[in-house]
Amino acid sequence: MKPRSFSRIKSHLPVNPSTINDRERGKTKTRGYGKDWQRLRSWVLAGEPLCRHCQRDGRLTPAQELHHDQSVKDRPDLRLDASNLVPLCRSCHRTEELRRSKGDA
């Protein structure tokens, strides 16, 4: 007897806005995050695996992302400078990016 197959159900849920934003921004490699960035990212996160902001607040949260202290837009020369990178969890990184976009940073 052949097992029953199911067709994929199309979700009626809205698309995640960040997915749309990522599509509009283009591939990471075209935005300057190629192999050189991936190597540096791995090296920095291996050396400092916890979110710097959470640690400051007494929490131990794994860092999953790197934040450019001085934005790449303002200082492209510091894009691959480890001293300009801050290891953060996703939540803290989102908060920092929102703060920067509002002009608070």
C-alpha atoms as a PDB file:
ATOM      1  CA  MET A   1       0.000   0.000   0.000  1.00  0.00           C
ATOM      2  CA  LYS A   2       1.367   3.399  -1.011  1.00  0.00           C
ATOM      3  CA  PRO A   3       1.712   5.964   1.805  1.00  0.00           C
ATOM      4  CA  ARG A   4      -0.599   8.912   1.609  1.00  0.00           C
ATOM      5  CA  SER A   5       1.043  12.129   0.391  1.00  0.00           C
ATOM      6  CA  PHE A   6       0.078  15.595   1.446  1.00  0.00           C
ATOM      7  CA  SER A   7       0.386  18.756  -0.564  1.00  0.00           C
ATOM      8  CA  ARG A   8       2.038  21.753   0.989  1.00  0.00           C
ATOM      9  CA  ILE A   9      -0.451  24.083   2.616  1.00  0.00           C
ATOM     10  CA  LYS A  10      -0.068  27.722   1.733  1.00  0.00           C
ATOM     11  CA  SER A  11      -0.101  29.777   4.865  1.00  0.00           C
ATOM     12  CA  HIS A  12      -2.580  32.583   5.267  1.00  0.00           C
ATOM     13  CA  LEU A  13      -0.289  34.156   7.848  1.00  0.00           C
ATOM     14  CA  PRO A  14       1.435  37.413   6.943  1.00  0.00           C
ATOM     15  CA  VAL A  15       5.026  37.298   5.715  1.00  0.00           C
ATOM     16  CA  ASN A  16       7.673  38.268   8.237  1.00  0.00           C
ATOM     17  CA  PRO A  17       8.628  41.918   7.473  1.00  0.00           C
ATOM     18  CA  SER A  18      12.320  41.218   8.042  1.00  0.00           C
ATOM     19  CA  THR A  19      12.196  38.602   5.271  1.00  0.00           C
ATOM     20  CA  ILE A  20      10.881  41.214   2.866  1.00  0.00           C
ATOM     21  CA  ASN A  21      13.543  43.684   4.028  1.00  0.00           C
ATOM     22  CA  ASP A  22      16.296  41.079   3.524  1.00  0.00           C
ATOM     23  CA  ARG A  23      15.107  40.416  -0.029  1.00  0.00           C
ATOM     24  CA  GLU A  24      15.206  44.137  -0.807  1.00  0.00           C
ATOM     25  CA  ARG A  25      18.683  44.561   0.697  1.00  0.00           C
ATOM     26  CA  GLY A  26      20.186  41.834  -1.471  1.00  0.00           C
ATOM     27  CA  LYS A  27      22.523  38.963  -0.704  1.00  0.00           C
ATOM     28  CA  THR A  28      24.968  39.327   2.166  1.00  0.00           C
ATOM     29  CA  LYS A  29      27.972  38.880  -0.137  1.00  0.00           C
ATOM     30  CA  THR A  30      26.902  41.806  -2.332  1.00  0.00           C
ATOM     31  CA  ARG A  31      26.552  43.965   0.804  1.00  0.00           C
ATOM     32  CA  GLY A  32      30.161  43.303   1.804  1.00  0.00           C
ATOM     33  CA  TYR A  33      29.752  40.289   4.060  1.00  0.00           C
ATOM     34  CA  GLY A  34      31.746  37.670   2.149  1.00  0.00           C
ATOM     35  CA  LYS A  35      34.349  35.173   3.323  1.00  0.00           C
ATOM     36  CA  ASP A  36      36.576  37.800   4.935  1.00  0.00           C
ATOM     37  CA  TRP A  37      33.625  38.933   7.087  1.00  0.00           C
ATOM     38  CA  GLN A  38      32.599  35.370   7.942  1.00  0.00           C
ATOM     39  CA  ARG A  39      36.138  34.550   9.142  1.00  0.00           C
ATOM     40  CA  LEU A  40      36.335  37.705  11.263  1.00  0.00           C
ATOM     41  CA  ARG A  41      32.835  37.114  12.646  1.00  0.00           C
ATOM     42  CA  SER A  42      33.718  33.567  13.715  1.00  0.00           C
ATOM     43  CA  TRP A  43      36.960  34.743  15.300  1.00  0.00           C
ATOM     44  CA  VAL A  44      35.292  37.572  17.274  1.00  0.00           C
ATOM     45  CA  LEU A  45      32.392  35.396  18.488  1.00  0.00           C
ATOM     46  CA  ALA A  46      34.806  32.621  19.523  1.00  0.00           C
ATOM     47  CA  GLY A  47      36.748  35.136  21.616  1.00  0.00           C
ATOM     48  CA  GLU A  48      33.669  36.772  23.139  1.00  0.00           C
ATOM     49  CA  PRO A  49      30.727  34.347  22.925  1.00  0.00           C
ATOM     50  CA  LEU A  50      28.335  36.276  25.208  1.00  0.00           C
ATOM     51  CA  CYS A  51      26.245  39.356  24.478  1.00  0.00           C
ATOM     52  CA  ARG A  52      28.111  42.365  25.826  1.00  0.00           C
ATOM     53  CA  HIS A  53      24.958  44.308  26.716  1.00  0.00           C
ATOM     54  CA  CYS A  54      23.290  41.389  28.492  1.00  0.00           C
ATOM     55  CA  GLN A  55      26.476  40.759  30.485  1.00  0.00           C
ATOM     56  CA  ARG A  56      26.494  44.395  31.546  1.00  0.00           C
ATOM     57  CA  ASP A  57      22.944  43.856  32.873  1.00  0.00           C
ATOM     58  CA  GLY A  58      23.882  40.640  34.687  1.00  0.00           C
ATOM     59  CA  ARG A  59      22.478  38.178  32.140  1.00  0.00           C
ATOM     60  CA  LEU A  60      24.407  35.470  30.290  1.00  0.00           C
ATOM     61  CA  THR A  61      23.069  35.361  26.725  1.00  0.00           C
ATOM     62  CA  PRO A  62      24.918  33.884  23.733  1.00  0.00           C
ATOM     63  CA  ALA A  63      26.035  36.477  21.198  1.00  0.00           C
ATOM     64  CA  GLN A  64      24.659  35.610  17.776  1.00  0.00           C
ATOM     65  CA  GLU A  65      25.385  38.796  15.859  1.00  0.00           C
ATOM     66  CA  LEU A  66      27.990  41.519  15.611  1.00  0.00           C
ATOM     67  CA  HIS A  67      27.176  45.204  15.751  1.00  0.00           C
ATOM     68  CA  HIS A  68      29.445  47.814  14.166  1.00  0.00           C
ATOM     69  CA  ASP A  69      30.025  50.391  16.906  1.00  0.00           C
ATOM     70  CA  GLN A  70      30.739  52.994  14.241  1.00  0.00           C
ATOM     71  CA  SER A  71      28.473  52.272  11.290  1.00  0.00           C
ATOM     72  CA  VAL A  72      29.886  50.983   8.032  1.00  0.00           C
ATOM     73  CA  LYS A  73      28.058  53.821   6.306  1.00  0.00           C
ATOM     74  CA  ASP A  74      29.973  56.417   8.336  1.00  0.00           C
ATOM     75  CA  ARG A  75      33.293  54.540   8.603  1.00  0.00           C
ATOM     76  CA  PRO A  76      33.676  51.956   5.806  1.00  0.00           C
ATOM     77  CA  ASP A  77      37.364  51.663   6.682  1.00  0.00           C
ATOM     78  CA  LEU A  78      36.391  50.046  10.017  1.00  0.00           C
ATOM     79  CA  ARG A  79      34.141  47.387   8.459  1.00  0.00           C
ATOM     80  CA  LEU A  80      36.644  44.595   9.161  1.00  0.00           C
ATOM     81  CA  ASP A  81      38.206  46.099  12.292  1.00  0.00           C
ATOM     82  CA  ALA A  82      37.593  43.797  15.276  1.00  0.00           C
ATOM     83  CA  SER A  83      37.828  46.727  17.700  1.00  0.00           C
ATOM     84  CA  ASN A  84      34.740  48.240  16.033  1.00  0.00           C
ATOM     85  CA  LEU A  85      32.626  45.100  16.529  1.00  0.00           C
ATOM     86  CA  VAL A  86      30.351  44.449  19.505  1.00  0.00           C
ATOM     87  CA  PRO A  87      29.060  40.871  20.053  1.00  0.00           C
ATOM     88  CA  LEU A  88      25.314  41.026  20.785  1.00  0.00           C
ATOM     89  CA  CYS A  89      22.300  38.738  20.988  1.00  0.00           C
ATOM     90  CA  ARG A  90      19.611  39.292  18.352  1.00  0.00           C
ATOM     91  CA  SER A  91      17.407  41.269  20.710  1.00  0.00           C
ATOM     92  CA  CYS A  92      20.142  43.700  21.760  1.00  0.00           C
ATOM     93  CA  HIS A  93      21.326  44.058  18.160  1.00  0.00           C
ATOM     94  CA  ARG A  94      17.823  44.939  17.019  1.00  0.00           C
ATOM     95  CA  THR A  95      17.579  47.495  19.826  1.00  0.00           C
ATOM     96  CA  GLU A  96      20.909  49.062  18.827  1.00  0.00           C
ATOM     97  CA  GLU A  97      19.935  49.225  15.160  1.00  0.00           C
ATOM     98  CA  LEU A  98      16.595  50.862  16.027  1.00  0.00           C
ATOM     99  CA  ARG A  99      18.372  53.365  18.258  1.00  0.00           C
ATOM    100  CA  ARG A 100      20.804  54.172  15.444  1.00  0.00           C
ATOM    101  CA  SER A 101      18.040  54.526  12.856  1.00  0.00           C
ATOM    102  CA  LYS A 102      16.223  57.020  15.115  1.00  0.00           C
ATOM    103  CA  GLY A 103      19.421  59.012  15.530  1.00  0.00           C
ATOM    104  CA  ASP A 104      19.830  58.256  19.251  1.00  0.00           C
ATOM    105  CA  ALA A 105      23.300  56.719  18.849  1.00  0.00           C
END
